[in-house]
């Protein structure tokens, strides 16, 4: 359901956007930029140290190679430091070959025997060579006469493998070259970081655009207000609402839906089939039965359901309680039948009064008395027969009224032999509903048939009531025995006030609620026989009164 943006907006603060799309986009861009800067910094920090270490190791390797040159130690002992000496020549050759900034050979006094600047030969070095003269190799970043450099210092021994140190070799790699390599790596690194940032920004924009479509470009305050209004609306309306996800789980159900379906708040998040235990109501809610204004019976309630699919594969089902409306419709049907019966009886009584008036005018007084006695006796006998065998007053009144209505339609209603129901019915109204529905169906089925009749049997077996209603109608095909108790199934025309196909499902639900059941079979000579068993329908037997025999 599309929701229009709310007209009221929260006041802007410091220019911060209110739309979900804009806020999420800005937050994602800020996060992506921060992560990119952090990663770049974390990469550059060890890169600088790595380049320094690499330069120092290179200087040390050149110094080691120089110290290993044959003849340098001998020349150091046998010649004087000179710009044209053999030590200077060998050192300069190595410097030019390796690209080092300087290769300095010095004796144990710290006097230079070689240097890129020849006028410094014979001078004492500017940095302490003590560690190298004591036989240790040194790597460091330091400043000297030629500026800052990465240095490697090694002892110069008299011969290979000898322990006698006669001098040292110091090699320097220009530090500006190391810095240049670092600065040279930065543009490429920034290019990679910029590319990653651009890709991340594009992804953030696409995600935010999708979020904008899904949230209908609302602000966070609008979404909060809509959720609050939705909760208030769902829990205040007098119509049940059940929301299902794509897997058939209950996503939401409001208070009215909980009442109509007999579920609690814990049903949210549970599978629909698990909570309703199958049946037509579950089929309607799950979408296995399609259509508009579908009828279902749940726990004795008549429900009207409509289902609408959602874009995510789920559905929203609305439920309306038609129980009272259905009862009113049935009462309307009964009232209409009684009115028709009274209208027919009005004509019948008028004919009887005319007959009685004629007998009196002809002074046939004895015949008039016999005629009145016969008419009154038939109705009295029927009422007395019913009240004698059916002790519950509501049920007895129902059967007397149904017998009158059936008689006007040409159907004879009689009690089966052995009928006896004590006045201990626990739920008289429920039993009246069961008997009334079955007798109405039997009357409709038997009307118009040859020797139209209905037989109602009621007997008590302990605290169990067994009801048996048979008719002389066309009967029900055996293959339909399983479907006649389904909501909406009927062979009758739809009445003006609503839908058919609810009586038998209600009978079944009322019977099952008391732990019993209802079955259907064919009657001898045609027609159908419905048998209802209602355990615990009678209360415990009390003391026998004088009125009971």
Protein backbone atom coordinates (compact mmCIF):
# COMPACT_ATOMS: atom_id res chain seq x y z
CA UNK A 1 0.00 0.00 0.00
CA UNK A 2 1.52 3.28 -1.10
CA UNK A 3 1.76 5.87 1.65
CA UNK A 4 1.80 9.53 0.76
CA UNK A 5 4.48 11.61 2.45
CA UNK A 6 3.25 13.38 5.53
CA UNK A 7 2.67 17.10 5.21
CA UNK A 8 4.35 17.95 8.51
CA UNK A 9 8.14 17.78 8.70
CA UNK A 10 10.48 17.89 11.64
CA UNK A 11 12.43 21.16 11.78
CA UNK A 12 15.80 21.05 10.01
CA UNK A 13 18.88 21.26 12.20
CA UNK A 14 22.15 22.64 10.84
CA UNK A 15 21.14 21.82 7.29
CA UNK A 16 21.05 18.06 7.98
CA UNK A 17 18.75 16.44 5.39
CA UNK A 18 15.54 14.80 6.61
CA UNK A 19 14.98 12.23 3.87
CA UNK A 20 16.05 8.66 4.53
CA UNK A 21 17.70 8.56 1.11
CA UNK A 22 19.86 11.64 1.76
CA UNK A 23 20.85 10.71 5.30
CA UNK A 24 21.82 7.17 4.39
CA UNK A 25 23.80 8.38 1.35
CA UNK A 26 25.72 10.95 3.41
CA UNK A 27 26.45 8.45 6.17
CA UNK A 28 27.66 5.86 3.67
CA UNK A 29 29.89 8.41 1.90
CA UNK A 30 31.34 9.51 5.23
CA UNK A 31 32.05 5.91 6.21
CA UNK A 32 33.58 5.06 2.83
CA UNK A 33 35.77 8.20 2.85
CA UNK A 34 36.92 7.55 6.42
CA UNK A 35 37.74 3.92 5.69
CA UNK A 36 39.66 4.87 2.51
CA UNK A 37 41.72 7.51 4.35
CA UNK A 38 42.41 5.12 7.22
CA UNK A 39 43.49 2.30 4.90
CA UNK A 40 45.72 4.66 2.91
CA UNK A 41 47.37 5.94 6.09
CA UNK A 42 47.83 2.42 7.45
CA UNK A 43 49.46 1.46 4.16
CA UNK A 44 51.79 4.50 3.95
CA UNK A 45 53.06 4.20 7.52
CA UNK A 46 54.68 0.75 7.11
CA UNK A 47 55.72 1.62 3.54
CA UNK A 48 57.98 4.43 4.78
CA UNK A 49 59.57 2.14 7.38
CA UNK A 50 59.93 -0.60 4.79
CA UNK A 51 61.74 1.73 2.35
CA UNK A 52 64.08 2.93 5.15
CA UNK A 53 64.89 -0.65 6.10
CA UNK A 54 65.47 -1.60 2.49
CA UNK A 55 67.87 1.34 1.99
CA UNK A 56 69.82 0.50 5.15
CA UNK A 57 70.14 -3.14 4.18
CA UNK A 58 71.33 -2.12 0.72
CA UNK A 59 73.97 0.16 2.28
CA UNK A 60 75.04 -2.65 4.60
CA UNK A 61 75.32 -5.08 1.71
CA UNK A 62 77.53 -2.66 -0.25
CA UNK A 63 79.67 -2.11 2.83
CA UNK A 64 80.03 -5.88 3.33
CA UNK A 65 81.02 -6.34 -0.32
CA UNK A 66 83.58 -3.53 -0.07
CA UNK A 67 85.10 -4.95 3.11
CA UNK A 68 85.40 -8.32 1.43
CA UNK A 69 87.41 -6.89 -1.49
CA UNK A 70 90.94 -8.39 -1.47
CA UNK A 71 93.74 -5.89 -1.03
CA UNK A 72 91.82 -3.04 0.66
CA UNK A 73 92.97 -4.00 4.15
CA UNK A 74 96.59 -4.44 2.90
CA UNK A 75 96.50 -1.08 1.10
CA UNK A 76 95.16 0.52 4.28
CA UNK A 77 98.25 -0.69 6.20
CA UNK A 78 100.91 -0.05 3.55
CA UNK A 79 99.85 3.28 1.97
CA UNK A 80 98.93 6.80 3.06
CA UNK A 81 95.48 8.33 2.69
CA UNK A 82 95.46 10.12 -0.64
CA UNK A 83 93.01 11.19 -3.34
CA UNK A 84 95.10 9.18 -5.80
CA UNK A 85 95.68 6.21 -3.54
CA UNK A 86 94.50 2.64 -4.27
CA UNK A 87 91.91 2.70 -1.46
CA UNK A 88 90.22 5.81 -2.90
CA UNK A 89 90.25 4.32 -6.38
CA UNK A 90 88.69 1.03 -5.26
CA UNK A 91 86.04 2.80 -3.14
CA UNK A 92 85.02 5.20 -5.90
CA UNK A 93 84.76 2.33 -8.35
CA UNK A 94 82.36 0.52 -6.01
CA UNK A 95 80.38 3.74 -5.34
CA UNK A 96 79.81 4.41 -8.99
CA UNK A 97 78.90 0.78 -9.64
CA UNK A 98 76.33 0.55 -6.83
CA UNK A 99 74.91 4.10 -7.01
CA UNK A 100 75.69 4.73 -3.34
CA UNK A 101 76.05 8.30 -2.09
CA UNK A 102 79.47 7.53 -0.57
CA UNK A 103 81.82 4.65 0.23
CA UNK A 104 84.19 5.64 3.02
CA UNK A 105 87.10 3.44 4.19
CA UNK A 106 88.64 4.51 7.48
CA UNK A 107 91.35 3.22 9.74
CA UNK A 108 91.16 2.52 13.47
CA UNK A 109 91.78 6.19 14.24
CA UNK A 110 88.62 7.17 12.27
CA UNK A 111 90.69 8.81 9.49
CA UNK A 112 89.12 8.67 6.03
CA UNK A 113 91.05 6.89 3.27
CA UNK A 114 88.28 7.44 0.72
CA UNK A 115 85.47 9.94 0.18
CA UNK A 116 83.43 11.29 -2.79
CA UNK A 117 84.92 14.70 -1.99
CA UNK A 118 88.67 14.13 -2.30
CA UNK A 119 89.63 17.09 -0.09
CA UNK A 120 88.04 15.35 2.91
CA UNK A 121 90.43 12.37 2.66
CA UNK A 122 92.74 12.33 5.66
CA UNK A 123 90.15 13.91 7.96
CA UNK A 124 88.41 12.21 10.86
CA UNK A 125 84.84 11.06 10.12
CA UNK A 126 81.97 13.16 11.47
CA UNK A 127 80.07 10.28 13.08
CA UNK A 128 81.28 7.82 15.69
CA UNK A 129 82.61 4.58 14.06
CA UNK A 130 83.15 2.90 17.40
CA UNK A 131 80.65 0.03 16.96
CA UNK A 132 82.09 -0.95 13.58
CA UNK A 133 85.70 -0.76 14.90
CA UNK A 134 84.67 -3.02 17.77
CA UNK A 135 83.57 -5.65 15.23
CA UNK A 136 79.83 -5.04 14.99
CA UNK A 137 77.79 -4.27 11.90
CA UNK A 138 75.59 -1.17 12.06
CA UNK A 139 72.46 -0.02 10.12
CA UNK A 140 71.08 3.45 10.79
CA UNK A 141 69.57 6.63 9.42
CA UNK A 142 71.87 9.49 10.32
CA UNK A 143 73.20 12.85 9.13
CA UNK A 144 76.81 13.55 8.16
CA UNK A 145 78.90 15.86 6.02
CA UNK A 146 76.88 14.89 2.93
CA UNK A 147 73.52 15.26 4.63
CA UNK A 148 70.99 12.69 5.82
CA UNK A 149 71.46 9.13 4.55
CA UNK A 150 70.75 5.48 5.17
CA UNK A 151 73.99 3.97 6.41
CA UNK A 152 75.63 0.62 6.73
CA UNK A 153 78.91 0.18 8.66
CA UNK A 154 80.99 -3.00 8.85
CA UNK A 155 84.41 -3.78 10.34
CA UNK A 156 87.38 -4.15 7.95
CA UNK A 157 89.48 -7.11 8.94
CA UNK A 158 93.06 -7.85 8.02
CA UNK A 159 92.19 -11.06 6.17
CA UNK A 160 88.99 -12.99 5.56
CA UNK A 161 88.10 -14.93 8.67
CA UNK A 162 90.54 -12.96 10.85
CA UNK A 163 89.36 -11.38 14.08
CA UNK A 164 91.75 -8.42 13.89
CA UNK A 165 89.96 -5.23 12.87
CA UNK A 166 92.17 -2.78 11.00
CA UNK A 167 89.49 -0.27 10.05
CA UNK A 168 85.86 0.06 8.90
CA UNK A 169 83.79 0.62 5.79
CA UNK A 170 80.85 3.05 5.87
CA UNK A 171 78.41 3.20 2.96
CA UNK A 172 75.60 5.72 2.64
CA UNK A 173 72.48 5.70 0.48
CA UNK A 174 71.12 9.18 -0.18
CA UNK A 175 67.97 9.59 1.94
CA UNK A 176 66.40 11.88 -0.65
CA UNK A 177 66.18 8.89 -2.99
CA UNK A 178 64.31 6.93 -0.33
CA UNK A 179 61.91 9.82 0.16
CA UNK A 180 61.52 10.12 -3.59
CA UNK A 181 60.49 6.47 -3.83
CA UNK A 182 57.95 7.03 -1.07
CA UNK A 183 56.58 10.14 -2.72
CA UNK A 184 56.56 8.35 -6.07
CA UNK A 185 54.37 5.59 -4.61
CA UNK A 186 51.83 8.05 -3.22
CA UNK A 187 50.16 9.05 -6.56
CA UNK A 188 49.55 5.43 -7.50
CA UNK A 189 48.24 4.69 -4.04
CA UNK A 190 45.98 7.72 -4.15
CA UNK A 191 44.74 6.64 -7.58
CA UNK A 192 43.78 3.22 -6.20
CA UNK A 193 42.19 4.86 -3.15
CA UNK A 194 40.29 7.32 -5.36
CA UNK A 195 39.04 4.48 -7.56
CA UNK A 196 37.90 2.52 -4.52
CA UNK A 197 36.24 5.65 -3.14
CA UNK A 198 34.43 6.29 -6.44
CA UNK A 199 33.22 2.69 -6.67
CA UNK A 200 32.06 2.82 -3.05
CA UNK A 201 30.29 6.13 -3.60
CA UNK A 202 28.51 4.73 -6.68
CA UNK A 203 27.46 1.62 -4.76
CA UNK A 204 26.26 3.80 -1.87
CA UNK A 205 24.25 5.93 -4.28
CA UNK A 206 22.60 2.91 -5.91
CA UNK A 207 21.76 1.39 -2.54
CA UNK A 208 20.36 4.69 -1.32
CA UNK A 209 18.26 5.07 -4.47
CA UNK A 210 16.79 1.62 -3.91
CA UNK A 211 16.11 2.54 -0.30
CA UNK A 212 14.47 5.75 -1.52
CA UNK A 213 12.06 3.77 -3.70
CA UNK A 214 11.29 1.31 -0.92
CA UNK A 215 10.66 4.05 1.65
CA UNK A 216 8.76 6.26 -0.84
CA UNK A 217 11.22 9.09 -0.19
CA UNK A 218 10.00 9.57 3.37
CA UNK A 219 11.84 11.18 6.25
CA UNK A 220 12.71 9.19 9.37
CA UNK A 221 10.15 11.23 11.32
CA UNK A 222 7.50 10.31 8.74
CA UNK A 223 8.33 6.61 9.02
CA UNK A 224 8.15 6.77 12.81
CA UNK A 225 4.79 8.55 12.63
CA UNK A 226 3.44 6.06 10.09
CA UNK A 227 4.48 3.10 12.25
CA UNK A 228 2.83 4.65 15.29
CA UNK A 229 -0.35 5.36 13.34
CA UNK A 230 -0.33 1.85 11.86
CA UNK A 231 -0.08 0.25 15.29
CA UNK A 232 -2.90 2.43 16.62
CA UNK A 233 -5.08 1.71 13.59
CA UNK A 234 -4.48 -2.05 13.54
CA UNK A 235 -5.27 -2.47 17.22
CA UNK A 236 -8.32 -0.20 17.22
CA UNK A 237 -10.27 -1.34 14.15
CA UNK A 238 -13.00 -3.93 14.59
CA UNK A 239 -11.77 -6.02 11.70
CA UNK A 240 -9.21 -8.79 11.99
CA UNK A 241 -5.94 -8.28 10.09
CA UNK A 242 -3.42 -11.09 9.55
CA UNK A 243 -0.15 -10.45 7.69
CA UNK A 244 1.83 -13.42 6.33
CA UNK A 245 5.35 -13.51 4.92
CA UNK A 246 6.48 -15.39 1.82
CA UNK A 247 7.10 -18.62 3.78
CA UNK A 248 3.62 -18.76 5.32
CA UNK A 249 4.63 -17.50 8.76
CA UNK A 250 2.41 -15.09 10.65
CA UNK A 251 4.08 -11.70 10.49
CA UNK A 252 1.41 -9.69 12.32
CA UNK A 253 -2.08 -10.12 13.69
CA UNK A 254 -4.07 -7.45 15.48
CA UNK A 255 -6.25 -7.79 18.57
CA UNK A 256 -9.42 -8.53 16.62
CA UNK A 257 -7.71 -11.26 14.58
CA UNK A 258 -6.47 -12.86 17.80
CA UNK A 259 -10.04 -12.86 19.13
CA UNK A 260 -11.63 -14.23 15.95
CA UNK A 261 -9.03 -16.97 15.42
CA UNK A 262 -8.59 -17.83 19.09
CA UNK A 263 -4.83 -17.11 18.98
CA UNK A 264 -2.52 -15.19 21.26
CA UNK A 265 0.32 -12.72 20.64
CA UNK A 266 2.79 -15.62 20.63
CA UNK A 267 1.42 -16.69 17.23
CA UNK A 268 3.48 -13.95 15.54
CA UNK A 269 6.48 -15.52 13.83
CA UNK A 270 4.98 -19.03 13.87
CA UNK A 271 3.83 -21.02 10.80
CA UNK A 272 0.15 -20.56 9.94
CA UNK A 273 -0.43 -24.31 9.57
CA UNK A 274 0.98 -24.94 13.03
CA UNK A 275 -1.33 -22.40 14.69
CA UNK A 276 -4.59 -23.32 12.90
CA UNK A 277 -4.08 -27.10 12.49
CA UNK A 278 -5.24 -27.10 8.87
CA UNK A 279 -8.89 -26.92 7.79
CA UNK A 280 -10.69 -24.46 5.54
CA UNK A 281 -9.74 -21.42 7.60
CA UNK A 282 -6.05 -22.23 7.11
CA UNK A 283 -6.64 -22.88 3.41
CA UNK A 284 -8.35 -19.50 2.99
CA UNK A 285 -5.64 -17.61 4.85
CA UNK A 286 -2.85 -19.43 2.98
CA UNK A 287 -4.42 -18.67 -0.41
CA UNK A 288 -5.21 -22.27 -1.37
CA UNK A 289 -8.84 -21.19 -1.73
CA UNK A 290 -9.21 -18.10 -3.88
CA UNK A 291 -12.05 -15.66 -4.29
CA UNK A 292 -13.67 -12.70 -2.61
CA UNK A 293 -15.63 -12.72 0.66
CA UNK A 294 -14.68 -16.33 1.41
CA UNK A 295 -16.54 -17.96 4.29
CA UNK A 296 -14.79 -19.84 7.05
CA UNK A 297 -15.83 -21.20 10.44
CA UNK A 298 -13.34 -20.98 13.29
CA UNK A 299 -14.24 -21.99 16.82
CA UNK A 300 -17.98 -21.54 16.26
CA UNK A 301 -17.54 -18.16 14.58
CA UNK A 302 -18.54 -17.46 11.00
CA UNK A 303 -15.80 -15.40 9.33
CA UNK A 304 -15.67 -13.54 6.03
CA UNK A 305 -12.11 -13.43 4.65
CA UNK A 306 -10.44 -11.44 1.87
CA UNK A 307 -6.81 -11.98 0.90
CA UNK A 308 -4.47 -9.58 -0.91
CA UNK A 309 -0.97 -10.52 -2.09
CA UNK A 310 2.00 -8.25 -1.24
CA UNK A 311 5.07 -7.47 -3.35
CA UNK A 312 7.42 -9.54 -1.16
CA UNK A 313 5.48 -12.78 -1.73
CA UNK A 314 3.42 -12.54 1.44
CA UNK A 315 -0.21 -11.55 1.92
CA UNK A 316 -2.57 -9.55 4.11
CA UNK A 317 -5.88 -11.17 5.09
CA UNK A 318 -8.81 -9.25 6.54
CA UNK A 319 -11.40 -11.05 8.64
CA UNK A 320 -14.93 -9.92 9.48
CA UNK A 321 -17.15 -11.56 12.07
CA UNK A 322 -20.42 -12.64 10.43
CA UNK A 323 -21.60 -14.79 13.34
CA UNK A 324 -24.26 -12.39 14.57
CA UNK A 325 -25.26 -11.46 11.03
CA UNK A 326 -25.58 -15.13 10.14
CA UNK A 327 -27.70 -15.75 13.21
CA UNK A 328 -29.90 -12.80 12.27
CA UNK A 329 -30.18 -14.18 8.74
CA UNK A 330 -31.24 -17.54 10.06
CA UNK A 331 -33.73 -15.89 12.37
CA UNK A 332 -35.01 -13.96 9.37
CA UNK A 333 -35.40 -17.22 7.47
CA UNK A 334 -37.24 -18.74 10.43
CA UNK A 335 -39.41 -15.65 10.81
CA UNK A 336 -40.23 -15.70 7.10
CA UNK A 337 -41.17 -19.34 7.39
CA UNK A 338 -43.35 -18.66 10.41
CA UNK A 339 -45.04 -15.75 8.61
CA UNK A 340 -45.75 -18.01 5.66
CA UNK A 341 -47.07 -20.64 8.03
CA UNK A 342 -49.27 -18.10 9.84
CA UNK A 343 -50.56 -16.83 6.52
CA UNK A 344 -51.44 -20.34 5.47
CA UNK A 345 -52.99 -21.02 8.89
CA UNK A 346 -54.98 -17.80 8.58
CA UNK A 347 -56.60 -19.16 5.43
CA UNK A 348 -57.04 -22.54 7.09
CA UNK A 349 -58.63 -21.03 10.20
CA UNK A 350 -60.88 -18.87 8.05
CA UNK A 351 -62.09 -22.00 6.22
CA UNK A 352 -62.61 -23.77 9.53
CA UNK A 353 -64.56 -20.83 10.95
CA UNK A 354 -66.73 -20.69 7.82
CA UNK A 355 -67.32 -24.40 8.17
CA UNK A 356 -68.19 -23.99 11.86
CA UNK A 357 -70.49 -21.04 11.06
CA UNK A 358 -72.28 -23.08 8.43
CA UNK A 359 -72.81 -25.98 10.82
CA UNK A 360 -74.21 -23.64 13.44
CA UNK A 361 -76.54 -21.91 10.96
CA UNK A 362 -77.79 -25.32 9.89
CA UNK A 363 -78.34 -26.05 13.61
CA UNK A 364 -76.02 -29.09 13.36
CA UNK A 365 -74.70 -28.49 16.83
CA UNK A 366 -73.34 -31.98 17.52
CA UNK A 367 -71.43 -32.00 14.23
CA UNK A 368 -70.00 -28.57 15.09
CA UNK A 369 -68.79 -29.82 18.47
CA UNK A 370 -67.13 -32.88 16.91
CA UNK A 371 -65.44 -30.67 14.30
CA UNK A 372 -63.97 -28.33 16.94
CA UNK A 373 -62.86 -31.23 19.14
CA UNK A 374 -61.06 -32.88 16.24
CA UNK A 375 -59.22 -29.71 15.17
CA UNK A 376 -58.06 -28.83 18.70
CA UNK A 377 -57.15 -32.41 19.52
CA UNK A 378 -54.72 -32.83 16.63
CA UNK A 379 -52.59 -29.83 17.65
CA UNK A 380 -52.79 -30.71 21.34
CA UNK A 381 -51.77 -34.31 20.68
CA UNK A 382 -48.72 -33.19 18.70
CA UNK A 383 -47.58 -30.75 21.44
CA UNK A 384 -48.17 -33.27 24.21
CA UNK A 385 -46.27 -35.97 22.34
CA UNK A 386 -43.24 -33.71 21.92
CA UNK A 387 -43.17 -32.36 25.49
CA UNK A 388 -43.60 -35.87 26.91
CA UNK A 389 -40.51 -37.21 25.12
CA UNK A 390 -38.39 -34.05 24.97
CA UNK A 391 -38.21 -32.56 28.46
CA UNK A 392 -36.03 -29.53 27.63
CA UNK A 393 -38.48 -26.62 27.05
CA UNK A 394 -36.37 -24.78 24.41
CA UNK A 395 -35.87 -27.90 22.33
CA UNK A 396 -39.52 -28.98 22.72
CA UNK A 397 -40.75 -25.53 21.61
CA UNK A 398 -38.39 -25.69 18.62
CA UNK A 399 -39.71 -29.06 17.50
CA UNK A 400 -43.35 -27.98 17.88
CA UNK A 401 -42.72 -24.88 15.81
CA UNK A 402 -40.74 -26.81 13.18
CA UNK A 403 -43.53 -29.39 12.96
CA UNK A 404 -46.05 -26.65 12.19
CA UNK A 405 -43.82 -25.07 9.53
CA UNK A 406 -43.06 -28.45 7.99
CA UNK A 407 -46.74 -29.34 7.90
CA UNK A 408 -47.54 -26.17 5.94
CA UNK A 409 -44.95 -27.28 3.37
CA UNK A 410 -46.52 -30.70 3.13
CA UNK A 411 -43.89 -32.46 5.24
CA UNK A 412 -44.73 -34.61 8.24
CA UNK A 413 -42.38 -34.26 11.21
CA UNK A 414 -42.51 -36.98 13.82
CA UNK A 415 -40.39 -38.24 16.66
CA UNK A 416 -38.62 -41.57 16.26
CA UNK A 417 -39.63 -44.46 18.52
CA UNK A 418 -37.51 -44.56 21.66
CA UNK A 419 -37.01 -40.80 21.73
CA UNK A 420 -36.48 -39.56 25.28
CA UNK A 421 -34.40 -36.56 26.32
CA UNK A 422 -34.33 -35.54 30.02
CA UNK A 423 -34.28 -31.93 31.14
CA UNK A 424 -30.55 -31.94 31.92
CA UNK A 425 -29.12 -30.36 28.79
CA UNK A 426 -25.91 -28.44 29.60
CA UNK A 427 -26.02 -26.14 26.52
CA UNK A 428 -29.64 -25.93 25.33
CA UNK A 429 -28.91 -23.14 22.84
CA UNK A 430 -26.11 -25.14 21.21
CA UNK A 431 -28.37 -28.19 20.91
CA UNK A 432 -31.16 -25.99 19.51
CA UNK A 433 -28.73 -24.73 16.84
CA UNK A 434 -27.75 -28.29 15.89
CA UNK A 435 -31.33 -29.61 15.76
CA UNK A 436 -32.67 -26.48 14.03
CA UNK A 437 -30.05 -26.63 11.24
CA UNK A 438 -30.56 -30.34 10.60
CA UNK A 439 -34.40 -30.07 10.64
CA UNK A 440 -34.33 -27.06 8.29
CA UNK A 441 -32.09 -28.93 5.85
CA UNK A 442 -34.28 -32.03 6.12
CA UNK A 443 -37.45 -29.98 5.50
CA UNK A 444 -35.93 -28.41 2.38
CA UNK A 445 -34.82 -31.83 1.14
CA UNK A 446 -38.13 -33.63 1.83
CA UNK A 447 -40.49 -30.92 0.54
CA UNK A 448 -42.07 -31.99 -2.71
CA UNK A 449 -41.17 -35.69 -2.39
CA UNK A 450 -43.70 -38.49 -2.25
CA UNK A 451 -44.85 -39.22 1.31
CA UNK A 452 -42.70 -36.29 2.53
CA UNK A 453 -41.59 -36.92 6.10
CA UNK A 454 -38.91 -36.12 8.66
CA UNK A 455 -38.04 -38.29 11.64
CA UNK A 456 -36.17 -36.84 14.62
CA UNK A 457 -34.67 -39.14 17.24
CA UNK A 458 -33.16 -37.96 20.52
CA UNK A 459 -31.90 -40.30 23.19
CA UNK A 460 -29.61 -40.12 26.18
CA UNK A 461 -26.80 -42.60 26.77
CA UNK A 462 -25.45 -41.65 30.17
CA UNK A 463 -24.38 -38.04 29.73
CA UNK A 464 -24.15 -38.38 25.95
CA UNK A 465 -26.89 -37.17 23.61
CA UNK A 466 -27.35 -39.00 20.31
CA UNK A 467 -29.36 -37.06 17.69
CA UNK A 468 -30.62 -38.70 14.52
CA UNK A 469 -32.47 -36.77 11.77
CA UNK A 470 -33.66 -38.57 8.62
CA UNK A 471 -35.71 -37.35 5.66
CA UNK A 472 -37.44 -38.72 2.57
CA UNK A 473 -35.62 -36.41 0.14
CA UNK A 474 -33.35 -37.35 -2.77
CA UNK A 475 -30.42 -38.11 -0.47
CA UNK A 476 -26.72 -37.29 -0.86
CA UNK A 477 -24.28 -39.04 -3.16
CA UNK A 478 -21.69 -41.03 -1.17
CA UNK A 479 -18.79 -39.23 -2.90
CA UNK A 480 -20.05 -35.95 -1.41
CA UNK A 481 -20.17 -37.13 2.18
CA UNK A 482 -16.79 -35.50 2.87
CA UNK A 483 -17.54 -32.15 1.23
CA UNK A 484 -20.98 -31.31 2.62
CA UNK A 485 -19.40 -30.14 5.91
CA UNK A 486 -17.17 -27.64 4.07
CA UNK A 487 -17.99 -23.95 4.46
CA UNK A 488 -19.79 -22.60 1.40
CA UNK A 489 -21.01 -25.97 0.07
CA UNK A 490 -24.77 -26.02 -0.57
CA UNK A 491 -27.31 -27.23 -3.10
CA UNK A 492 -29.75 -24.38 -2.30
CA UNK A 493 -30.14 -20.98 -3.87
CA UNK A 494 -28.35 -18.10 -2.16
CA UNK A 495 -30.76 -16.16 0.10
CA UNK A 496 -31.11 -12.41 -0.08
CA UNK A 497 -29.38 -11.78 3.25
CA UNK A 498 -26.11 -13.63 2.61
CA UNK A 499 -24.56 -16.96 1.69
CA UNK A 500 -25.40 -20.62 2.06
CA UNK A 501 -23.26 -23.50 3.20
CA UNK A 502 -22.82 -22.62 6.88
CA UNK A 503 -25.35 -24.80 8.72
CA UNK A 504 -23.59 -28.15 8.47
CA UNK A 505 -20.11 -26.73 9.22
CA UNK A 506 -21.56 -25.09 12.34
CA UNK A 507 -23.13 -28.39 13.35
CA UNK A 508 -19.80 -30.14 12.94
CA UNK A 509 -17.90 -27.46 14.89
CA UNK A 510 -20.42 -27.51 17.76
CA UNK A 511 -20.19 -31.30 17.92
CA UNK A 512 -16.39 -31.33 17.79
CA UNK A 513 -16.20 -28.63 20.45
CA UNK A 514 -17.96 -31.06 22.81
CA UNK A 515 -15.68 -33.90 21.77
CA UNK A 516 -18.25 -35.50 19.46
CA UNK A 517 -18.89 -35.61 15.75
CA UNK A 518 -21.45 -35.81 12.97
CA UNK A 519 -21.85 -38.42 10.22
CA UNK A 520 -24.13 -38.80 7.22
CA UNK A 521 -25.47 -41.93 5.53
CA UNK A 522 -28.25 -43.00 3.21
CA UNK A 523 -31.72 -43.77 4.61
CA UNK A 524 -33.77 -46.85 3.83
CA UNK A 525 -36.08 -46.09 0.93
CA UNK A 526 -34.12 -42.95 -0.03
CA UNK A 527 -33.16 -39.74 1.70
CA UNK A 528 -30.34 -39.00 4.11
CA UNK A 529 -29.67 -39.72 7.78
CA UNK A 530 -27.55 -37.37 9.90
CA UNK A 531 -26.27 -38.68 13.23
CA UNK A 532 -24.74 -36.35 15.81
CA UNK A 533 -23.04 -37.60 18.97
CA UNK A 534 -22.57 -35.02 21.77
CA UNK A 535 -20.60 -36.38 24.76
CA UNK A 536 -21.06 -34.60 28.08
CA UNK A 537 -24.13 -32.79 26.69
CA UNK A 538 -26.20 -33.72 29.77
CA UNK A 539 -25.61 -32.76 33.34
CA UNK A 540 -25.37 -35.21 36.17
CA UNK A 541 -28.66 -36.91 37.04
CA UNK A 542 -30.43 -35.36 40.04
CA UNK A 543 -33.28 -36.67 42.22
CA UNK A 544 -36.27 -37.85 40.20
CA UNK A 545 -39.14 -35.37 40.40
CA UNK A 546 -42.78 -36.20 40.30
CA UNK A 547 -43.11 -34.79 36.81
CA UNK A 548 -40.63 -37.27 35.33
CA UNK A 549 -41.63 -40.80 34.53
